[in-house]
Amino acid sequence: MKTDKLKRLQAVGWKIGSAEDFLQLSDEEAQLVALKLSLISAVKESRIKRKLSQIDLAQRMKSSQSRIAKIEAGDPSVSLDLIVRALIASGATTRDIQAAFTTNERMAG
């Protein structure tokens, strides 16, 4: 947000903060959210990089296309385990997986 707009909003009583502040997330909860977002992004990138459709990835996982769509949309019902399984099934290398975790460390730190 531009500095002048930020100052105008604050002058009329608006409070500006992060999503973590608004949702009152602890540091651990914020790190978990950042980790999930990083892994979800890595799943989609890996799938697209390998020219896999959601159906192709679902078949590799013995799951459904709608489940892959939920993973990529960040549905809260999707577990970290399922996200990592999708990342592996997409053909992501160990380096790709490490990169997803490294991205998370940069976001959280």
PDB file of N, CA and C in Angstrom:
ATOM      1  N   MET A   1       0.851  -1.170   0.000  1.00  0.00           N
ATOM      2  CA  MET A   1       0.000   0.000   0.000  1.00  0.00           C
ATOM      3  C   MET A   1       0.898   1.235   0.000  1.00  0.00           C
ATOM      4  N   LYS A   2       0.477   2.221  -0.731  1.00  0.00           N
ATOM      5  CA  LYS A   2       1.254   3.462  -0.805  1.00  0.00           C
ATOM      6  C   LYS A   2       1.241   4.173   0.542  1.00  0.00           C
ATOM      7  N   THR A   3       2.347   4.823   0.842  1.00  0.00           N
ATOM      8  CA  THR A   3       2.524   5.491   2.130  1.00  0.00           C
ATOM      9  C   THR A   3       1.468   6.555   2.380  1.00  0.00           C
ATOM     10  N   ASP A   4       1.142   7.370   1.361  1.00  0.00           N
ATOM     11  CA  ASP A   4       0.160   8.435   1.574  1.00  0.00           C
ATOM     12  C   ASP A   4      -1.229   7.865   1.863  1.00  0.00           C
ATOM     13  N   LYS A   5      -1.587   6.798   1.183  1.00  0.00           N
ATOM     14  CA  LYS A   5      -2.886   6.169   1.434  1.00  0.00           C
ATOM     15  C   LYS A   5      -2.906   5.562   2.841  1.00  0.00           C
ATOM     16  N   LEU A   6      -1.815   4.928   3.233  1.00  0.00           N
ATOM     17  CA  LEU A   6      -1.701   4.345   4.565  1.00  0.00           C
ATOM     18  C   LEU A   6      -1.884   5.419   5.634  1.00  0.00           C
ATOM     19  N   LYS A   7      -1.239   6.561   5.462  1.00  0.00           N
ATOM     20  CA  LYS A   7      -1.347   7.651   6.434  1.00  0.00           C
ATOM     21  C   LYS A   7      -2.773   8.193   6.508  1.00  0.00           C
ATOM     22  N   ARG A   8      -3.433   8.321   5.348  1.00  0.00           N
ATOM     23  CA  ARG A   8      -4.822   8.808   5.339  1.00  0.00           C
ATOM     24  C   ARG A   8      -5.745   7.837   6.078  1.00  0.00           C
ATOM     25  N   LEU A   9      -5.576   6.559   5.852  1.00  0.00           N
ATOM     26  CA  LEU A   9      -6.422   5.569   6.525  1.00  0.00           C
ATOM     27  C   LEU A   9      -6.193   5.582   8.030  1.00  0.00           C
ATOM     28  N   GLN A  10      -4.935   5.649   8.425  1.00  0.00           N
ATOM     29  CA  GLN A  10      -4.625   5.679   9.851  1.00  0.00           C
ATOM     30  C   GLN A  10      -5.155   6.961  10.500  1.00  0.00           C
ATOM     31  N   ALA A  11      -5.130   8.060   9.770  1.00  0.00           N
ATOM     32  CA  ALA A  11      -5.603   9.344  10.302  1.00  0.00           C
ATOM     33  C   ALA A  11      -7.091   9.314  10.626  1.00  0.00           C
ATOM     34  N   VAL A  12      -7.861   8.501   9.901  1.00  0.00           N
ATOM     35  CA  VAL A  12      -9.295   8.418  10.165  1.00  0.00           C
ATOM     36  C   VAL A  12      -9.657   7.216  11.035  1.00  0.00           C
ATOM     37  N   GLY A  13      -8.642   6.579  11.619  1.00  0.00           N
ATOM     38  CA  GLY A  13      -8.911   5.541  12.610  1.00  0.00           C
ATOM     39  C   GLY A  13      -8.738   4.103  12.160  1.00  0.00           C
ATOM     40  N   TRP A  14      -8.353   3.885  10.917  1.00  0.00           N
ATOM     41  CA  TRP A  14      -8.132   2.511  10.460  1.00  0.00           C
ATOM     42  C   TRP A  14      -6.846   1.963  11.054  1.00  0.00           C
ATOM     43  N   LYS A  15      -6.862   0.681  11.383  1.00  0.00           N
ATOM     44  CA  LYS A  15      -5.649   0.020  11.869  1.00  0.00           C
ATOM     45  C   LYS A  15      -5.136  -0.865  10.744  1.00  0.00           C
ATOM     46  N   ILE A  16      -3.852  -0.791  10.517  1.00  0.00           N
ATOM     47  CA  ILE A  16      -3.223  -1.562   9.459  1.00  0.00           C
ATOM     48  C   ILE A  16      -2.368  -2.644  10.107  1.00  0.00           C
ATOM     49  N   GLY A  17      -2.530  -3.866   9.665  1.00  0.00           N
ATOM     50  CA  GLY A  17      -1.745  -4.965  10.212  1.00  0.00           C
ATOM     51  C   GLY A  17      -1.684  -6.106   9.214  1.00  0.00           C
ATOM     52  N   SER A  18      -1.136  -7.192   9.666  1.00  0.00           N
ATOM     53  CA  SER A  18      -0.986  -8.372   8.815  1.00  0.00           C
ATOM     54  C   SER A  18      -2.175  -9.309   8.998  1.00  0.00           C
ATOM     55  N   ALA A  19      -2.245 -10.301   8.146  1.00  0.00           N
ATOM     56  CA  ALA A  19      -3.287 -11.317   8.280  1.00  0.00           C
ATOM     57  C   ALA A  19      -3.131 -12.048   9.610  1.00  0.00           C
ATOM     58  N   GLU A  20      -1.878 -12.245  10.024  1.00  0.00           N
ATOM     59  CA  GLU A  20      -1.619 -12.918  11.302  1.00  0.00           C
ATOM     60  C   GLU A  20      -2.190 -12.118  12.460  1.00  0.00           C
ATOM     61  N   ASP A  21      -2.041 -10.796  12.392  1.00  0.00           N
ATOM     62  CA  ASP A  21      -2.595  -9.933  13.434  1.00  0.00           C
ATOM     63  C   ASP A  21      -4.119 -10.011  13.440  1.00  0.00           C
ATOM     64  N   PHE A  22      -4.711  -9.894  12.246  1.00  0.00           N
ATOM     65  CA  PHE A  22      -6.159  -9.895  12.120  1.00  0.00           C
ATOM     66  C   PHE A  22      -6.762 -11.206  12.623  1.00  0.00           C
ATOM     67  N   LEU A  23      -6.120 -12.323  12.270  1.00  0.00           N
ATOM     68  CA  LEU A  23      -6.634 -13.642  12.666  1.00  0.00           C
ATOM     69  C   LEU A  23      -6.141 -14.069  14.040  1.00  0.00           C
ATOM     70  N   GLN A  24      -5.303 -13.247  14.643  1.00  0.00           N
ATOM     71  CA  GLN A  24      -4.726 -13.518  15.961  1.00  0.00           C
ATOM     72  C   GLN A  24      -4.016 -14.875  15.985  1.00  0.00           C
ATOM     73  N   LEU A  25      -3.169 -15.097  14.966  1.00  0.00           N
ATOM     74  CA  LEU A  25      -2.418 -16.343  14.875  1.00  0.00           C
ATOM     75  C   LEU A  25      -1.149 -16.256  15.714  1.00  0.00           C
ATOM     76  N   SER A  26      -0.821 -17.350  16.360  1.00  0.00           N
ATOM     77  CA  SER A  26       0.458 -17.416  17.061  1.00  0.00           C
ATOM     78  C   SER A  26       1.552 -17.554  16.000  1.00  0.00           C
ATOM     79  N   ASP A  27       2.790 -17.400  16.413  1.00  0.00           N
ATOM     80  CA  ASP A  27       3.902 -17.551  15.474  1.00  0.00           C
ATOM     81  C   ASP A  27       3.899 -18.956  14.854  1.00  0.00           C
ATOM     82  N   GLU A  28       3.592 -19.950  15.661  1.00  0.00           N
ATOM     83  CA  GLU A  28       3.563 -21.330  15.172  1.00  0.00           C
ATOM     84  C   GLU A  28       2.454 -21.529  14.143  1.00  0.00           C
ATOM     85  N   GLU A  29       1.295 -20.958  14.408  1.00  0.00           N
ATOM     86  CA  GLU A  29       0.180 -21.073  13.459  1.00  0.00           C
ATOM     87  C   GLU A  29       0.496 -20.356  12.153  1.00  0.00           C
ATOM     88  N   ALA A  30       1.123 -19.207  12.247  1.00  0.00           N
ATOM     89  CA  ALA A  30       1.498 -18.456  11.049  1.00  0.00           C
ATOM     90  C   ALA A  30       2.526 -19.238  10.231  1.00  0.00           C
ATOM     91  N   GLN A  31       3.456 -19.899  10.901  1.00  0.00           N
ATOM     92  CA  GLN A  31       4.449 -20.710  10.199  1.00  0.00           C
ATOM     93  C   GLN A  31       3.795 -21.900   9.510  1.00  0.00           C
ATOM     94  N   LEU A  32       2.817 -22.508  10.162  1.00  0.00           N
ATOM     95  CA  LEU A  32       2.112 -23.637   9.564  1.00  0.00           C
ATOM     96  C   LEU A  32       1.350 -23.193   8.317  1.00  0.00           C
ATOM     97  N   VAL A  33       0.700 -22.056   8.380  1.00  0.00           N
ATOM     98  CA  VAL A  33      -0.017 -21.522   7.217  1.00  0.00           C
ATOM     99  C   VAL A  33       0.968 -21.253   6.083  1.00  0.00           C
ATOM    100  N   ALA A  34       2.096 -20.637   6.397  1.00  0.00           N
ATOM    101  CA  ALA A  34       3.109 -20.345   5.374  1.00  0.00           C
ATOM    102  C   ALA A  34       3.662 -21.626   4.759  1.00  0.00           C
ATOM    103  N   LEU A  35       3.878 -22.646   5.581  1.00  0.00           N
ATOM    104  CA  LEU A  35       4.373 -23.928   5.079  1.00  0.00           C
ATOM    105  C   LEU A  35       3.369 -24.565   4.125  1.00  0.00           C
ATOM    106  N   LYS A  36       2.106 -24.584   4.532  1.00  0.00           N
ATOM    107  CA  LYS A  36       1.079 -25.176   3.665  1.00  0.00           C
ATOM    108  C   LYS A  36       0.985 -24.422   2.342  1.00  0.00           C
ATOM    109  N   LEU A  37       1.015 -23.105   2.388  1.00  0.00           N
ATOM    110  CA  LEU A  37       0.935 -22.319   1.156  1.00  0.00           C
ATOM    111  C   LEU A  37       2.123 -22.591   0.240  1.00  0.00           C
ATOM    112  N   SER A  38       3.299 -22.711   0.820  1.00  0.00           N
ATOM    113  CA  SER A  38       4.499 -22.985   0.032  1.00  0.00           C
ATOM    114  C   SER A  38       4.415 -24.365  -0.620  1.00  0.00           C
ATOM    115  N   LEU A  39       3.980 -25.365   0.134  1.00  0.00           N
ATOM    116  CA  LEU A  39       3.862 -26.721  -0.405  1.00  0.00           C
ATOM    117  C   LEU A  39       2.769 -26.814  -1.465  1.00  0.00           C
ATOM    118  N   ILE A  40       1.653 -26.130  -1.233  1.00  0.00           N
ATOM    119  CA  ILE A  40       0.556 -26.115  -2.209  1.00  0.00           C
ATOM    120  C   ILE A  40       1.038 -25.510  -3.528  1.00  0.00           C
ATOM    121  N   SER A  41       1.762 -24.424  -3.430  1.00  0.00           N
ATOM    122  CA  SER A  41       2.304 -23.780  -4.629  1.00  0.00           C
ATOM    123  C   SER A  41       3.262 -24.724  -5.348  1.00  0.00           C
ATOM    124  N   ALA A  42       4.073 -25.440  -4.594  1.00  0.00           N
ATOM    125  CA  ALA A  42       5.029 -26.385  -5.182  1.00  0.00           C
ATOM    126  C   ALA A  42       4.311 -27.528  -5.895  1.00  0.00           C
ATOM    127  N   VAL A  43       3.179 -27.985  -5.355  1.00  0.00           N
ATOM    128  CA  VAL A  43       2.403 -29.048  -6.003  1.00  0.00           C
ATOM    129  C   VAL A  43       1.939 -28.580  -7.378  1.00  0.00           C
ATOM    130  N   LYS A  44       1.334 -27.421  -7.421  1.00  0.00           N
ATOM    131  CA  LYS A  44       0.806 -26.916  -8.692  1.00  0.00           C
ATOM    132  C   LYS A  44       1.930 -26.667  -9.691  1.00  0.00           C
ATOM    133  N   GLU A  45       3.020 -26.053  -9.229  1.00  0.00           N
ATOM    134  CA  GLU A  45       4.159 -25.794 -10.116  1.00  0.00           C
ATOM    135  C   GLU A  45       4.732 -27.088 -10.669  1.00  0.00           C
ATOM    136  N   SER A  46       4.877 -28.103  -9.820  1.00  0.00           N
ATOM    137  CA  SER A  46       5.431 -29.383 -10.245  1.00  0.00           C
ATOM    138  C   SER A  46       4.504 -30.066 -11.244  1.00  0.00           C
ATOM    139  N   ARG A  47       3.216 -30.025 -10.982  1.00  0.00           N
ATOM    140  CA  ARG A  47       2.239 -30.647 -11.885  1.00  0.00           C
ATOM    141  C   ARG A  47       2.280 -29.977 -13.254  1.00  0.00           C
ATOM    142  N   ILE A  48       2.297 -28.664 -13.266  1.00  0.00           N
ATOM    143  CA  ILE A  48       2.309 -27.928 -14.531  1.00  0.00           C
ATOM    144  C   ILE A  48       3.642 -28.136 -15.260  1.00  0.00           C
ATOM    145  N   LYS A  49       4.733 -28.103 -14.522  1.00  0.00           N
ATOM    146  CA  LYS A  49       6.067 -28.295 -15.109  1.00  0.00           C
ATOM    147  C   LYS A  49       6.164 -29.639 -15.837  1.00  0.00           C
ATOM    148  N   ARG A  50       5.502 -30.647 -15.288  1.00  0.00           N
ATOM    149  CA  ARG A  50       5.554 -31.991 -15.869  1.00  0.00           C
ATOM    150  C   ARG A  50       4.377 -32.269 -16.802  1.00  0.00           C
ATOM    151  N   LYS A  51       3.638 -31.189 -17.099  1.00  0.00           N
ATOM    152  CA  LYS A  51       2.502 -31.249 -18.036  1.00  0.00           C
ATOM    153  C   LYS A  51       1.467 -32.311 -17.636  1.00  0.00           C
ATOM    154  N   LEU A  52       1.185 -32.350 -16.336  1.00  0.00           N
ATOM    155  CA  LEU A  52       0.167 -33.266 -15.808  1.00  0.00           C
ATOM    156  C   LEU A  52      -1.129 -32.490 -15.587  1.00  0.00           C
ATOM    157  N   SER A  53      -2.240 -33.095 -15.931  1.00  0.00           N
ATOM    158  CA  SER A  53      -3.530 -32.507 -15.582  1.00  0.00           C
ATOM    159  C   SER A  53      -3.840 -32.891 -14.137  1.00  0.00           C
ATOM    160  N   GLN A  54      -4.851 -32.263 -13.585  1.00  0.00           N
ATOM    161  CA  GLN A  54      -5.282 -32.662 -12.240  1.00  0.00           C
ATOM    162  C   GLN A  54      -5.744 -34.114 -12.245  1.00  0.00           C
ATOM    163  N   ILE A  55      -6.346 -34.544 -13.331  1.00  0.00           N
ATOM    164  CA  ILE A  55      -6.801 -35.939 -13.437  1.00  0.00           C
ATOM    165  C   ILE A  55      -5.601 -36.881 -13.443  1.00  0.00           C
ATOM    166  N   ASP A  56      -4.553 -36.518 -14.199  1.00  0.00           N
ATOM    167  CA  ASP A  56      -3.342 -37.350 -14.238  1.00  0.00           C
ATOM    168  C   ASP A  56      -2.747 -37.503 -12.840  1.00  0.00           C
ATOM    169  N   LEU A  57      -2.634 -36.391 -12.132  1.00  0.00           N
ATOM    170  CA  LEU A  57      -2.067 -36.437 -10.786  1.00  0.00           C
ATOM    171  C   LEU A  57      -2.967 -37.248  -9.859  1.00  0.00           C
ATOM    172  N   ALA A  58      -4.264 -37.079  -9.987  1.00  0.00           N
ATOM    173  CA  ALA A  58      -5.205 -37.842  -9.160  1.00  0.00           C
ATOM    174  C   ALA A  58      -5.040 -39.341  -9.396  1.00  0.00           C
ATOM    175  N   GLN A  59      -4.883 -39.733 -10.647  1.00  0.00           N
ATOM    176  CA  GLN A  59      -4.697 -41.158 -10.958  1.00  0.00           C
ATOM    177  C   GLN A  59      -3.408 -41.683 -10.344  1.00  0.00           C
ATOM    178  N   ARG A  60      -2.355 -40.897 -10.380  1.00  0.00           N
ATOM    179  CA  ARG A  60      -1.086 -41.310  -9.761  1.00  0.00           C
ATOM    180  C   ARG A  60      -1.243 -41.512  -8.257  1.00  0.00           C
ATOM    181  N   MET A  61      -2.136 -40.719  -7.648  1.00  0.00           N
ATOM    182  CA  MET A  61      -2.340 -40.787  -6.198  1.00  0.00           C
ATOM    183  C   MET A  61      -3.472 -41.732  -5.802  1.00  0.00           C
ATOM    184  N   LYS A  62      -4.151 -42.296  -6.802  1.00  0.00           N
ATOM    185  CA  LYS A  62      -5.354 -43.103  -6.544  1.00  0.00           C
ATOM    186  C   LYS A  62      -6.376 -42.263  -5.763  1.00  0.00           C
ATOM    187  N   SER A  63      -6.602 -41.071  -6.290  1.00  0.00           N
ATOM    188  CA  SER A  63      -7.522 -40.126  -5.674  1.00  0.00           C
ATOM    189  C   SER A  63      -8.426 -39.572  -6.765  1.00  0.00           C
ATOM    190  N   SER A  64      -9.040 -38.435  -6.498  1.00  0.00           N
ATOM    191  CA  SER A  64      -9.953 -37.839  -7.471  1.00  0.00           C
ATOM    192  C   SER A  64      -9.444 -36.465  -7.909  1.00  0.00           C
ATOM    193  N   GLN A  65      -9.912 -36.046  -9.068  1.00  0.00           N
ATOM    194  CA  GLN A  65      -9.545 -34.728  -9.578  1.00  0.00           C
ATOM    195  C   GLN A  65     -10.012 -33.641  -8.622  1.00  0.00           C
ATOM    196  N   SER A  66     -11.191 -33.826  -8.038  1.00  0.00           N
ATOM    197  CA  SER A  66     -11.709 -32.803  -7.131  1.00  0.00           C
ATOM    198  C   SER A  66     -10.819 -32.668  -5.890  1.00  0.00           C
ATOM    199  N   ARG A  67     -10.204 -33.752  -5.473  1.00  0.00           N
ATOM    200  CA  ARG A  67      -9.296 -33.696  -4.321  1.00  0.00           C
ATOM    201  C   ARG A  67      -8.041 -32.898  -4.681  1.00  0.00           C
ATOM    202  N   ILE A  68      -7.552 -33.094  -5.907  1.00  0.00           N
ATOM    203  CA  ILE A  68      -6.388 -32.327  -6.358  1.00  0.00           C
ATOM    204  C   ILE A  68      -6.752 -30.847  -6.423  1.00  0.00           C
ATOM    205  N   ALA A  69      -7.945 -30.553  -6.913  1.00  0.00           N
ATOM    206  CA  ALA A  69      -8.397 -29.161  -6.972  1.00  0.00           C
ATOM    207  C   ALA A  69      -8.455 -28.568  -5.566  1.00  0.00           C
ATOM    208  N   LYS A  70      -8.907 -29.348  -4.592  1.00  0.00           N
ATOM    209  CA  LYS A  70      -8.954 -28.857  -3.209  1.00  0.00           C
ATOM    210  C   LYS A  70      -7.550 -28.604  -2.672  1.00  0.00           C
ATOM    211  N   ILE A  71      -6.620 -29.495  -3.013  1.00  0.00           N
ATOM    212  CA  ILE A  71      -5.228 -29.296  -2.581  1.00  0.00           C
ATOM    213  C   ILE A  71      -4.720 -27.971  -3.126  1.00  0.00           C
ATOM    214  N   GLU A  72      -4.883 -27.772  -4.442  1.00  0.00           N
ATOM    215  CA  GLU A  72      -4.345 -26.581  -5.089  1.00  0.00           C
ATOM    216  C   GLU A  72      -5.066 -25.302  -4.666  1.00  0.00           C
ATOM    217  N   ALA A  73      -6.301 -25.428  -4.201  1.00  0.00           N
ATOM    218  CA  ALA A  73      -7.054 -24.263  -3.736  1.00  0.00           C
ATOM    219  C   ALA A  73      -6.778 -23.948  -2.265  1.00  0.00           C
ATOM    220  N   GLY A  74      -6.032 -24.829  -1.598  1.00  0.00           N
ATOM    221  CA  GLY A  74      -5.715 -24.595  -0.194  1.00  0.00           C
ATOM    222  C   GLY A  74      -6.869 -24.875   0.741  1.00  0.00           C
ATOM    223  N   ASP A  75      -7.731 -25.804   0.355  1.00  0.00           N
ATOM    224  CA  ASP A  75      -8.879 -26.162   1.199  1.00  0.00           C
ATOM    225  C   ASP A  75      -8.383 -26.580   2.584  1.00  0.00           C
ATOM    226  N   PRO A  76      -8.976 -26.045   3.646  1.00  0.00           N
ATOM    227  CA  PRO A  76      -8.504 -26.356   5.000  1.00  0.00           C
ATOM    228  C   PRO A  76      -8.684 -27.824   5.403  1.00  0.00           C
ATOM    229  N   SER A  77      -9.505 -28.574   4.675  1.00  0.00           N
ATOM    230  CA  SER A  77      -9.694 -29.986   5.002  1.00  0.00           C
ATOM    231  C   SER A  77      -8.535 -30.857   4.517  1.00  0.00           C
ATOM    232  N   VAL A  78      -7.642 -30.282   3.732  1.00  0.00           N
ATOM    233  CA  VAL A  78      -6.518 -31.032   3.175  1.00  0.00           C
ATOM    234  C   VAL A  78      -5.362 -31.041   4.178  1.00  0.00           C
ATOM    235  N   SER A  79      -4.869 -32.239   4.486  1.00  0.00           N
ATOM    236  CA  SER A  79      -3.787 -32.381   5.462  1.00  0.00           C
ATOM    237  C   SER A  79      -2.427 -32.133   4.813  1.00  0.00           C
ATOM    238  N   LEU A  80      -1.448 -31.823   5.655  1.00  0.00           N
ATOM    239  CA  LEU A  80      -0.080 -31.684   5.172  1.00  0.00           C
ATOM    240  C   LEU A  80       0.390 -32.978   4.521  1.00  0.00           C
ATOM    241  N   ASP A  81       0.007 -34.103   5.101  1.00  0.00           N
ATOM    242  CA  ASP A  81       0.374 -35.405   4.560  1.00  0.00           C
ATOM    243  C   ASP A  81      -0.092 -35.543   3.112  1.00  0.00           C
ATOM    244  N   LEU A  82      -1.327 -35.186   2.841  1.00  0.00           N
ATOM    245  CA  LEU A  82      -1.878 -35.291   1.494  1.00  0.00           C
ATOM    246  C   LEU A  82      -1.173 -34.323   0.542  1.00  0.00           C
ATOM    247  N   ILE A  83      -0.856 -33.143   1.005  1.00  0.00           N
ATOM    248  CA  ILE A  83      -0.146 -32.167   0.163  1.00  0.00           C
ATOM    249  C   ILE A  83       1.228 -32.712  -0.216  1.00  0.00           C
ATOM    250  N   VAL A  84       1.938 -33.265   0.742  1.00  0.00           N
ATOM    251  CA  VAL A  84       3.268 -33.817   0.465  1.00  0.00           C
ATOM    252  C   VAL A  84       3.158 -35.030  -0.453  1.00  0.00           C
ATOM    253  N   ARG A  85       2.155 -35.874  -0.230  1.00  0.00           N
ATOM    254  CA  ARG A  85       1.944 -37.026  -1.123  1.00  0.00           C
ATOM    255  C   ARG A  85       1.703 -36.559  -2.553  1.00  0.00           C
ATOM    256  N   ALA A  86       0.925 -35.506  -2.717  1.00  0.00           N
ATOM    257  CA  ALA A  86       0.655 -34.961  -4.053  1.00  0.00           C
ATOM    258  C   ALA A  86       1.932 -34.409  -4.674  1.00  0.00           C
ATOM    259  N   LEU A  87       2.737 -33.761  -3.872  1.00  0.00           N
ATOM    260  CA  LEU A  87       3.993 -33.209  -4.365  1.00  0.00           C
ATOM    261  C   LEU A  87       4.906 -34.332  -4.868  1.00  0.00           C
ATOM    262  N   ILE A  88       5.007 -35.393  -4.109  1.00  0.00           N
ATOM    263  CA  ILE A  88       5.829 -36.536  -4.510  1.00  0.00           C
ATOM    264  C   ILE A  88       5.250 -37.208  -5.753  1.00  0.00           C
ATOM    265  N   ALA A  89       3.941 -37.422  -5.771  1.00  0.00           N
ATOM    266  CA  ALA A  89       3.286 -38.067  -6.914  1.00  0.00           C
ATOM    267  C   ALA A  89       3.406 -37.236  -8.187  1.00  0.00           C
ATOM    268  N   SER A  90       3.545 -35.933  -8.041  1.00  0.00           N
ATOM    269  CA  SER A  90       3.668 -35.065  -9.213  1.00  0.00           C
ATOM    270  C   SER A  90       5.024 -35.208  -9.885  1.00  0.00           C
ATOM    271  N   GLY A  91       5.928 -35.917  -9.207  1.00  0.00           N
ATOM    272  CA  GLY A  91       7.258 -36.104  -9.765  1.00  0.00           C
ATOM    273  C   GLY A  91       8.283 -35.120  -9.242  1.00  0.00           C
ATOM    274  N   ALA A  92       7.918 -34.391  -8.207  1.00  0.00           N
ATOM    275  CA  ALA A  92       8.854 -33.423  -7.625  1.00  0.00           C
ATOM    276  C   ALA A  92      10.098 -34.155  -7.123  1.00  0.00           C
ATOM    277  N   THR A  93      11.218 -33.535  -7.337  1.00  0.00           N
ATOM    278  CA  THR A  93      12.471 -34.106  -6.865  1.00  0.00           C
ATOM    279  C   THR A  93      12.684 -33.723  -5.398  1.00  0.00           C
ATOM    280  N   THR A  94      13.664 -34.361  -4.797  1.00  0.00           N
ATOM    281  CA  THR A  94      14.017 -34.010  -3.421  1.00  0.00           C
ATOM    282  C   THR A  94      14.388 -32.530  -3.348  1.00  0.00           C
ATOM    283  N   ARG A  95      15.068 -32.050  -4.363  1.00  0.00           N
ATOM    284  CA  ARG A  95      15.452 -30.627  -4.410  1.00  0.00           C
ATOM    285  C   ARG A  95      14.223 -29.732  -4.477  1.00  0.00           C
ATOM    286  N   ASP A  96      13.201 -30.131  -5.271  1.00  0.00           N
ATOM    287  CA  ASP A  96      11.956 -29.361  -5.360  1.00  0.00           C
ATOM    288  C   ASP A  96      11.277 -29.280  -3.995  1.00  0.00           C
ATOM    289  N   ILE A  97      11.254 -30.411  -3.305  1.00  0.00           N
ATOM    290  CA  ILE A  97      10.600 -30.467  -1.992  1.00  0.00           C
ATOM    291  C   ILE A  97      11.371 -29.604  -0.989  1.00  0.00           C
ATOM    292  N   GLN A  98      12.697 -29.708  -1.016  1.00  0.00           N
ATOM    293  CA  GLN A  98      13.515 -28.882  -0.135  1.00  0.00           C
ATOM    294  C   GLN A  98      13.304 -27.402  -0.432  1.00  0.00           C
ATOM    295  N   ALA A  99      13.173 -27.068  -1.704  1.00  0.00           N
ATOM    296  CA  ALA A  99      12.957 -25.669  -2.088  1.00  0.00           C
ATOM    297  C   ALA A  99      11.645 -25.148  -1.514  1.00  0.00           C
ATOM    298  N   ALA A 100      10.608 -25.994  -1.498  1.00  0.00           N
ATOM    299  CA  ALA A 100       9.320 -25.579  -0.936  1.00  0.00           C
ATOM    300  C   ALA A 100       9.464 -25.267   0.552  1.00  0.00           C
ATOM    301  N   PHE A 101      10.244 -26.075   1.256  1.00  0.00           N
ATOM    302  CA  PHE A 101      10.459 -25.820   2.674  1.00  0.00           C
ATOM    303  C   PHE A 101      11.349 -24.599   2.878  1.00  0.00           C
ATOM    304  N   THR A 102      12.324 -24.394   2.014  1.00  0.00           N
ATOM    305  CA  THR A 102      13.207 -23.235   2.118  1.00  0.00           C
ATOM    306  C   THR A 102      12.431 -21.948   1.877  1.00  0.00           C
ATOM    307  N   THR A 103      11.519 -21.984   0.906  1.00  0.00           N
ATOM    308  CA  THR A 103      10.663 -20.822   0.642  1.00  0.00           C
ATOM    309  C   THR A 103       9.882 -20.490   1.902  1.00  0.00           C
ATOM    310  N   ASN A 104       9.362 -21.517   2.572  1.00  0.00           N
ATOM    311  CA  ASN A 104       8.616 -21.312   3.806  1.00  0.00           C
ATOM    312  C   ASN A 104       9.475 -20.671   4.876  1.00  0.00           C
ATOM    313  N   GLU A 105      10.732 -21.098   5.000  1.00  0.00           N
ATOM    314  CA  GLU A 105      11.620 -20.520   6.011  1.00  0.00           C
ATOM    315  C   GLU A 105      11.843 -19.040   5.752  1.00  0.00           C
ATOM    316  N   ARG A 106      11.980 -18.654   4.470  1.00  0.00           N
ATOM    317  CA  ARG A 106      12.174 -17.245   4.131  1.00  0.00           C
ATOM    318  C   ARG A 106      10.912 -16.450   4.451  1.00  0.00           C
ATOM    319  N   MET A 107       9.725 -17.041   4.183  1.00  0.00           N
ATOM    320  CA  MET A 107       8.467 -16.342   4.441  1.00  0.00           C
ATOM    321  C   MET A 107       8.247 -16.157   5.937  1.00  0.00           C
ATOM    322  N   ALA A 108       8.598 -17.181   6.728  1.00  0.00           N
ATOM    323  CA  ALA A 108       8.346 -17.137   8.165  1.00  0.00           C
ATOM    324  C   ALA A 108       9.413 -16.326   8.907  1.00  0.00           C
ATOM    325  N   GLY A 109      10.598 -16.287   8.364  1.00  0.00           N
ATOM    326  CA  GLY A 109      11.700 -15.628   9.063  1.00  0.00           C
ATOM    327  C   GLY A 109      11.730 -14.195   8.786  1.00  0.00           C
TER     328      GLY A 109
END
